[in-house]
Amino acid sequence: MKNISTKELNYISDLLSWELLAAKKCNQYAYQENNSGHQQMFFDAAGIHQQNYYNLLNYMNQLNQSRGGQAH
């Protein structure tokens, strides 16, 4: 796996935080929405952000495993 700098790792960590926050907010908005069409749109958006979060998390885990579990 490609070597990645600390700055890049920090950026990915920020992305994880942003995706998690976006998923939570979309779910919150969905539960507050009365229009079922809008509600579904928010649930769909939450699902996309959740999938992005898991993809980034899996990538970070792969980086960590390739480094022998140690941060460099």
PDB file of N, CA and C in Angstrom:
ATOM      1  N   MET A   1       0.839  -1.173   0.000  1.00  0.00           N
ATOM      2  CA  MET A   1       0.000   0.000   0.000  1.00  0.00           C
ATOM      3  C   MET A   1       0.884   1.235   0.000  1.00  0.00           C
ATOM      4  N   LYS A   2       0.423   2.278  -0.622  1.00  0.00           N
ATOM      5  CA  LYS A   2       1.164   3.519  -0.769  1.00  0.00           C
ATOM      6  C   LYS A   2       1.486   4.134   0.594  1.00  0.00           C
ATOM      7  N   ASN A   3       2.692   4.700   0.697  1.00  0.00           N
ATOM      8  CA  ASN A   3       3.036   5.451   1.897  1.00  0.00           C
ATOM      9  C   ASN A   3       2.211   6.725   1.929  1.00  0.00           C
ATOM     10  N   ILE A   4       1.767   7.085   3.114  1.00  0.00           N
ATOM     11  CA  ILE A   4       0.895   8.242   3.255  1.00  0.00           C
ATOM     12  C   ILE A   4       1.444   9.111   4.383  1.00  0.00           C
ATOM     13  N   SER A   5       1.431  10.402   4.184  1.00  0.00           N
ATOM     14  CA  SER A   5       2.008  11.323   5.156  1.00  0.00           C
ATOM     15  C   SER A   5       1.065  11.534   6.338  1.00  0.00           C
ATOM     16  N   THR A   6       1.614  12.079   7.395  1.00  0.00           N
ATOM     17  CA  THR A   6       0.808  12.399   8.574  1.00  0.00           C
ATOM     18  C   THR A   6      -0.257  13.422   8.230  1.00  0.00           C
ATOM     19  N   LYS A   7       0.087  14.376   7.395  1.00  0.00           N
ATOM     20  CA  LYS A   7      -0.879  15.397   6.975  1.00  0.00           C
ATOM     21  C   LYS A   7      -2.058  14.748   6.244  1.00  0.00           C
ATOM     22  N   GLU A   8      -1.762  13.787   5.381  1.00  0.00           N
ATOM     23  CA  GLU A   8      -2.833  13.080   4.656  1.00  0.00           C
ATOM     24  C   GLU A   8      -3.687  12.251   5.615  1.00  0.00           C
ATOM     25  N   LEU A   9      -3.048  11.620   6.593  1.00  0.00           N
ATOM     26  CA  LEU A   9      -3.804  10.857   7.595  1.00  0.00           C
ATOM     27  C   LEU A   9      -4.725  11.766   8.395  1.00  0.00           C
ATOM     28  N   ASN A  10      -4.237  12.936   8.737  1.00  0.00           N
ATOM     29  CA  ASN A  10      -5.067  13.900   9.472  1.00  0.00           C
ATOM     30  C   ASN A  10      -6.246  14.366   8.622  1.00  0.00           C
ATOM     31  N   TYR A  11      -6.012  14.547   7.334  1.00  0.00           N
ATOM     32  CA  TYR A  11      -7.097  14.951   6.442  1.00  0.00           C
ATOM     33  C   TYR A  11      -8.160  13.852   6.354  1.00  0.00           C
ATOM     34  N   ILE A  12      -7.727  12.611   6.246  1.00  0.00           N
ATOM     35  CA  ILE A  12      -8.681  11.496   6.204  1.00  0.00           C
ATOM     36  C   ILE A  12      -9.451  11.408   7.518  1.00  0.00           C
ATOM     37  N   SER A  13      -8.774  11.653   8.618  1.00  0.00           N
ATOM     38  CA  SER A  13      -9.440  11.668   9.914  1.00  0.00           C
ATOM     39  C   SER A  13     -10.513  12.758   9.960  1.00  0.00           C
ATOM     40  N   ASP A  14     -10.200  13.930   9.418  1.00  0.00           N
ATOM     41  CA  ASP A  14     -11.198  15.006   9.334  1.00  0.00           C
ATOM     42  C   ASP A  14     -12.373  14.583   8.462  1.00  0.00           C
ATOM     43  N   LEU A  15     -12.076  13.937   7.344  1.00  0.00           N
ATOM     44  CA  LEU A  15     -13.153  13.463   6.460  1.00  0.00           C
ATOM     45  C   LEU A  15     -14.076  12.487   7.186  1.00  0.00           C
ATOM     46  N   LEU A  16     -13.484  11.596   7.988  1.00  0.00           N
ATOM     47  CA  LEU A  16     -14.287  10.664   8.771  1.00  0.00           C
ATOM     48  C   LEU A  16     -15.248  11.427   9.674  1.00  0.00           C
ATOM     49  N   SER A  17     -14.750  12.433  10.352  1.00  0.00           N
ATOM     50  CA  SER A  17     -15.591  13.233  11.250  1.00  0.00           C
ATOM     51  C   SER A  17     -16.712  13.930  10.485  1.00  0.00           C
ATOM     52  N   TRP A  18     -16.375  14.495   9.337  1.00  0.00           N
ATOM     53  CA  TRP A  18     -17.379  15.210   8.543  1.00  0.00           C
ATOM     54  C   TRP A  18     -18.451  14.275   8.005  1.00  0.00           C
ATOM     55  N   GLU A  19     -18.048  13.099   7.540  1.00  0.00           N
ATOM     56  CA  GLU A  19     -19.026  12.137   7.017  1.00  0.00           C
ATOM     57  C   GLU A  19     -19.953  11.641   8.123  1.00  0.00           C
ATOM     58  N   LEU A  20     -19.391  11.374   9.300  1.00  0.00           N
ATOM     59  CA  LEU A  20     -20.217  10.923  10.419  1.00  0.00           C
ATOM     60  C   LEU A  20     -21.206  12.010  10.824  1.00  0.00           C
ATOM     61  N   LEU A  21     -20.748  13.239  10.915  1.00  0.00           N
ATOM     62  CA  LEU A  21     -21.636  14.347  11.265  1.00  0.00           C
ATOM     63  C   LEU A  21     -22.735  14.520  10.219  1.00  0.00           C
ATOM     64  N   ALA A  22     -22.374  14.442   8.940  1.00  0.00           N
ATOM     65  CA  ALA A  22     -23.359  14.592   7.865  1.00  0.00           C
ATOM     66  C   ALA A  22     -24.407  13.489   7.937  1.00  0.00           C
ATOM     67  N   ALA A  23     -23.990  12.261   8.210  1.00  0.00           N
ATOM     68  CA  ALA A  23     -24.941  11.139   8.320  1.00  0.00           C
ATOM     69  C   ALA A  23     -25.893  11.373   9.488  1.00  0.00           C
ATOM     70  N   LYS A  24     -25.367  11.802  10.605  1.00  0.00           N
ATOM     71  CA  LYS A  24     -26.211  12.056  11.782  1.00  0.00           C
ATOM     72  C   LYS A  24     -27.208  13.177  11.519  1.00  0.00           C
ATOM     73  N   LYS A  25     -26.743  14.254  10.898  1.00  0.00           N
ATOM     74  CA  LYS A  25     -27.629  15.379  10.613  1.00  0.00           C
ATOM     75  C   LYS A  25     -28.725  14.992   9.612  1.00  0.00           C
ATOM     76  N   CYS A  26     -28.367  14.227   8.596  1.00  0.00           N
ATOM     77  CA  CYS A  26     -29.370  13.803   7.616  1.00  0.00           C
ATOM     78  C   CYS A  26     -30.431  12.935   8.275  1.00  0.00           C
ATOM     79  N   ASN A  27     -30.017  12.043   9.159  1.00  0.00           N
ATOM     80  CA  ASN A  27     -30.994  11.224   9.880  1.00  0.00           C
ATOM     81  C   ASN A  27     -31.876  12.089  10.769  1.00  0.00           C
ATOM     82  N   GLN A  28     -31.277  13.053  11.450  1.00  0.00           N
ATOM     83  CA  GLN A  28     -32.043  13.948  12.301  1.00  0.00           C
ATOM     84  C   GLN A  28     -33.085  14.712  11.481  1.00  0.00           C
ATOM     85  N   TYR A  29     -32.662  15.255  10.337  1.00  0.00           N
ATOM     86  CA  TYR A  29     -33.591  15.990   9.478  1.00  0.00           C
ATOM     87  C   TYR A  29     -34.694  15.082   8.950  1.00  0.00           C
ATOM     88  N   ALA A  30     -34.357  13.848   8.647  1.00  0.00           N
ATOM     89  CA  ALA A  30     -35.355  12.909   8.131  1.00  0.00           C
ATOM     90  C   ALA A  30     -36.452  12.677   9.165  1.00  0.00           C
ATOM     91  N   TYR A  31     -36.058  12.502  10.426  1.00  0.00           N
ATOM     92  CA  TYR A  31     -37.055  12.248  11.464  1.00  0.00           C
ATOM     93  C   TYR A  31     -37.894  13.486  11.777  1.00  0.00           C
ATOM     94  N   GLN A  32     -37.402  14.666  11.442  1.00  0.00           N
ATOM     95  CA  GLN A  32     -38.160  15.899  11.668  1.00  0.00           C
ATOM     96  C   GLN A  32     -39.063  16.255  10.495  1.00  0.00           C
ATOM     97  N   GLU A  33     -38.843  15.628   9.358  1.00  0.00           N
ATOM     98  CA  GLU A  33     -39.566  15.964   8.130  1.00  0.00           C
ATOM     99  C   GLU A  33     -40.927  15.274   8.097  1.00  0.00           C
ATOM    100  N   ASN A  34     -41.948  16.024   7.709  1.00  0.00           N
ATOM    101  CA  ASN A  34     -43.302  15.473   7.606  1.00  0.00           C
ATOM    102  C   ASN A  34     -43.610  14.935   6.208  1.00  0.00           C
ATOM    103  N   ASN A  35     -42.974  15.490   5.201  1.00  0.00           N
ATOM    104  CA  ASN A  35     -43.187  15.064   3.821  1.00  0.00           C
ATOM    105  C   ASN A  35     -42.400  13.780   3.585  1.00  0.00           C
ATOM    106  N   SER A  36     -43.093  12.710   3.214  1.00  0.00           N
ATOM    107  CA  SER A  36     -42.426  11.412   3.068  1.00  0.00           C
ATOM    108  C   SER A  36     -41.378  11.410   1.955  1.00  0.00           C
ATOM    109  N   GLY A  37     -41.598  12.190   0.914  1.00  0.00           N
ATOM    110  CA  GLY A  37     -40.614  12.275  -0.161  1.00  0.00           C
ATOM    111  C   GLY A  37     -39.324  12.922   0.314  1.00  0.00           C
ATOM    112  N   HIS A  38     -39.466  13.996   1.062  1.00  0.00           N
ATOM    113  CA  HIS A  38     -38.291  14.677   1.615  1.00  0.00           C
ATOM    114  C   HIS A  38     -37.618  13.803   2.665  1.00  0.00           C
ATOM    115  N   GLN A  39     -38.430  13.126   3.450  1.00  0.00           N
ATOM    116  CA  GLN A  39     -37.886  12.247   4.480  1.00  0.00           C
ATOM    117  C   GLN A  39     -37.013  11.154   3.843  1.00  0.00           C
ATOM    118  N   GLN A  40     -37.495  10.566   2.772  1.00  0.00           N
ATOM    119  CA  GLN A  40     -36.735   9.522   2.089  1.00  0.00           C
ATOM    120  C   GLN A  40     -35.441  10.071   1.509  1.00  0.00           C
ATOM    121  N   MET A  41     -35.499  11.306   0.995  1.00  0.00           N
ATOM    122  CA  MET A  41     -34.304  11.936   0.448  1.00  0.00           C
ATOM    123  C   MET A  41     -33.232  12.082   1.544  1.00  0.00           C
ATOM    124  N   PHE A  42     -33.644  12.493   2.733  1.00  0.00           N
ATOM    125  CA  PHE A  42     -32.696  12.638   3.832  1.00  0.00           C
ATOM    126  C   PHE A  42     -32.149  11.285   4.278  1.00  0.00           C
ATOM    127  N   PHE A  43     -33.014  10.267   4.322  1.00  0.00           N
ATOM    128  CA  PHE A  43     -32.534   8.919   4.677  1.00  0.00           C
ATOM    129  C   PHE A  43     -31.536   8.400   3.640  1.00  0.00           C
ATOM    130  N   ASP A  44     -31.816   8.656   2.372  1.00  0.00           N
ATOM    131  CA  ASP A  44     -30.895   8.239   1.310  1.00  0.00           C
ATOM    132  C   ASP A  44     -29.550   8.947   1.445  1.00  0.00           C
ATOM    133  N   ALA A  45     -29.604  10.248   1.712  1.00  0.00           N
ATOM    134  CA  ALA A  45     -28.361  11.013   1.885  1.00  0.00           C
ATOM    135  C   ALA A  45     -27.586  10.499   3.102  1.00  0.00           C
ATOM    136  N   ALA A  46     -28.296  10.180   4.171  1.00  0.00           N
ATOM    137  CA  ALA A  46     -27.636   9.636   5.366  1.00  0.00           C
ATOM    138  C   ALA A  46     -26.945   8.321   5.040  1.00  0.00           C
ATOM    139  N   GLY A  47     -27.591   7.494   4.245  1.00  0.00           N
ATOM    140  CA  GLY A  47     -27.001   6.214   3.847  1.00  0.00           C
ATOM    141  C   GLY A  47     -25.731   6.396   3.031  1.00  0.00           C
ATOM    142  N   ILE A  48     -25.729   7.380   2.152  1.00  0.00           N
ATOM    143  CA  ILE A  48     -24.547   7.657   1.340  1.00  0.00           C
ATOM    144  C   ILE A  48     -23.397   8.124   2.228  1.00  0.00           C
ATOM    145  N   HIS A  49     -23.686   9.037   3.154  1.00  0.00           N
ATOM    146  CA  HIS A  49     -22.640   9.517   4.058  1.00  0.00           C
ATOM    147  C   HIS A  49     -22.132   8.394   4.966  1.00  0.00           C
ATOM    148  N   GLN A  50     -23.043   7.524   5.385  1.00  0.00           N
ATOM    149  CA  GLN A  50     -22.632   6.393   6.219  1.00  0.00           C
ATOM    150  C   GLN A  50     -21.723   5.449   5.432  1.00  0.00           C
ATOM    151  N   GLN A  51     -22.055   5.196   4.176  1.00  0.00           N
ATOM    152  CA  GLN A  51     -21.215   4.334   3.350  1.00  0.00           C
ATOM    153  C   GLN A  51     -19.849   4.970   3.110  1.00  0.00           C
ATOM    154  N   ASN A  52     -19.824   6.290   2.868  1.00  0.00           N
ATOM    155  CA  ASN A  52     -18.551   6.993   2.713  1.00  0.00           C
ATOM    156  C   ASN A  52     -17.710   6.857   3.977  1.00  0.00           C
ATOM    157  N   TYR A  53     -18.351   6.982   5.138  1.00  0.00           N
ATOM    158  CA  TYR A  53     -17.658   6.849   6.418  1.00  0.00           C
ATOM    159  C   TYR A  53     -17.018   5.467   6.541  1.00  0.00           C
ATOM    160  N   TYR A  54     -17.799   4.418   6.246  1.00  0.00           N
ATOM    161  CA  TYR A  54     -17.265   3.057   6.365  1.00  0.00           C
ATOM    162  C   TYR A  54     -16.157   2.789   5.350  1.00  0.00           C
ATOM    163  N   ASN A  55     -16.272   3.337   4.149  1.00  0.00           N
ATOM    164  CA  ASN A  55     -15.208   3.177   3.157  1.00  0.00           C
ATOM    165  C   ASN A  55     -13.907   3.821   3.635  1.00  0.00           C
ATOM    166  N   LEU A  56     -14.005   5.030   4.184  1.00  0.00           N
ATOM    167  CA  LEU A  56     -12.819   5.696   4.716  1.00  0.00           C
ATOM    168  C   LEU A  56     -12.250   4.953   5.914  1.00  0.00           C
ATOM    169  N   LEU A  57     -13.129   4.464   6.782  1.00  0.00           N
ATOM    170  CA  LEU A  57     -12.684   3.723   7.960  1.00  0.00           C
ATOM    171  C   LEU A  57     -11.958   2.443   7.551  1.00  0.00           C
ATOM    172  N   ASN A  58     -12.502   1.731   6.579  1.00  0.00           N
ATOM    173  CA  ASN A  58     -11.845   0.520   6.085  1.00  0.00           C
ATOM    174  C   ASN A  58     -10.484   0.850   5.479  1.00  0.00           C
ATOM    175  N   TYR A  59     -10.399   1.951   4.762  1.00  0.00           N
ATOM    176  CA  TYR A  59      -9.125   2.375   4.175  1.00  0.00           C
ATOM    177  C   TYR A  59      -8.105   2.660   5.276  1.00  0.00           C
ATOM    178  N   MET A  60      -8.535   3.367   6.310  1.00  0.00           N
ATOM    179  CA  MET A  60      -7.632   3.667   7.433  1.00  0.00           C
ATOM    180  C   MET A  60      -7.187   2.381   8.125  1.00  0.00           C
ATOM    181  N   ASN A  61      -8.097   1.439   8.279  1.00  0.00           N
ATOM    182  CA  ASN A  61      -7.742   0.157   8.900  1.00  0.00           C
ATOM    183  C   ASN A  61      -6.731  -0.609   8.051  1.00  0.00           C
ATOM    184  N   GLN A  62      -6.898  -0.573   6.731  1.00  0.00           N
ATOM    185  CA  GLN A  62      -5.940  -1.230   5.841  1.00  0.00           C
ATOM    186  C   GLN A  62      -4.558  -0.580   5.947  1.00  0.00           C
ATOM    187  N   LEU A  63      -4.533   0.747   6.022  1.00  0.00           N
ATOM    188  CA  LEU A  63      -3.255   1.443   6.199  1.00  0.00           C
ATOM    189  C   LEU A  63      -2.604   1.030   7.502  1.00  0.00           C
ATOM    190  N   ASN A  64      -3.401   0.955   8.541  1.00  0.00           N
ATOM    191  CA  ASN A  64      -2.884   0.598   9.854  1.00  0.00           C
ATOM    192  C   ASN A  64      -2.331  -0.832   9.853  1.00  0.00           C
ATOM    193  N   GLN A  65      -3.020  -1.745   9.199  1.00  0.00           N
ATOM    194  CA  GLN A  65      -2.560  -3.128   9.123  1.00  0.00           C
ATOM    195  C   GLN A  65      -1.292  -3.248   8.286  1.00  0.00           C
ATOM    196  N   SER A  66      -1.205  -2.488   7.219  1.00  0.00           N
ATOM    197  CA  SER A  66      -0.019  -2.553   6.359  1.00  0.00           C
ATOM    198  C   SER A  66       1.213  -1.996   7.069  1.00  0.00           C
ATOM    199  N   ARG A  67       0.990  -1.176   8.062  1.00  0.00           N
ATOM    200  CA  ARG A  67       2.094  -0.600   8.833  1.00  0.00           C
ATOM    201  C   ARG A  67       2.377  -1.429  10.083  1.00  0.00           C
ATOM    202  N   GLY A  68       1.749  -2.540  10.207  1.00  0.00           N
ATOM    203  CA  GLY A  68       1.973  -3.398  11.378  1.00  0.00           C
ATOM    204  C   GLY A  68       1.293  -2.874  12.621  1.00  0.00           C
ATOM    205  N   GLY A  69       0.242  -2.077  12.435  1.00  0.00           N
ATOM    206  CA  GLY A  69      -0.506  -1.578  13.576  1.00  0.00           C
ATOM    207  C   GLY A  69       0.131  -0.389  14.263  1.00  0.00           C
ATOM    208  N   GLN A  70       1.162   0.182  13.642  1.00  0.00           N
ATOM    209  CA  GLN A  70       1.840   1.316  14.250  1.00  0.00           C
ATOM    210  C   GLN A  70       1.645   2.557  13.394  1.00  0.00           C
ATOM    211  N   ALA A  71       1.428   3.668  14.066  1.00  0.00           N
ATOM    212  CA  ALA A  71       1.321   4.944  13.364  1.00  0.00           C
ATOM    213  C   ALA A  71       2.726   5.475  13.098  1.00  0.00           C
ATOM    214  N   HIS A  72       2.947   6.000  11.906  1.00  0.00           N
ATOM    215  CA  HIS A  72       4.267   6.565  11.541  1.00  0.00           C
ATOM    216  C   HIS A  72       4.134   8.033  11.283  1.00  0.00           C
TER     217      HIS A  72
END
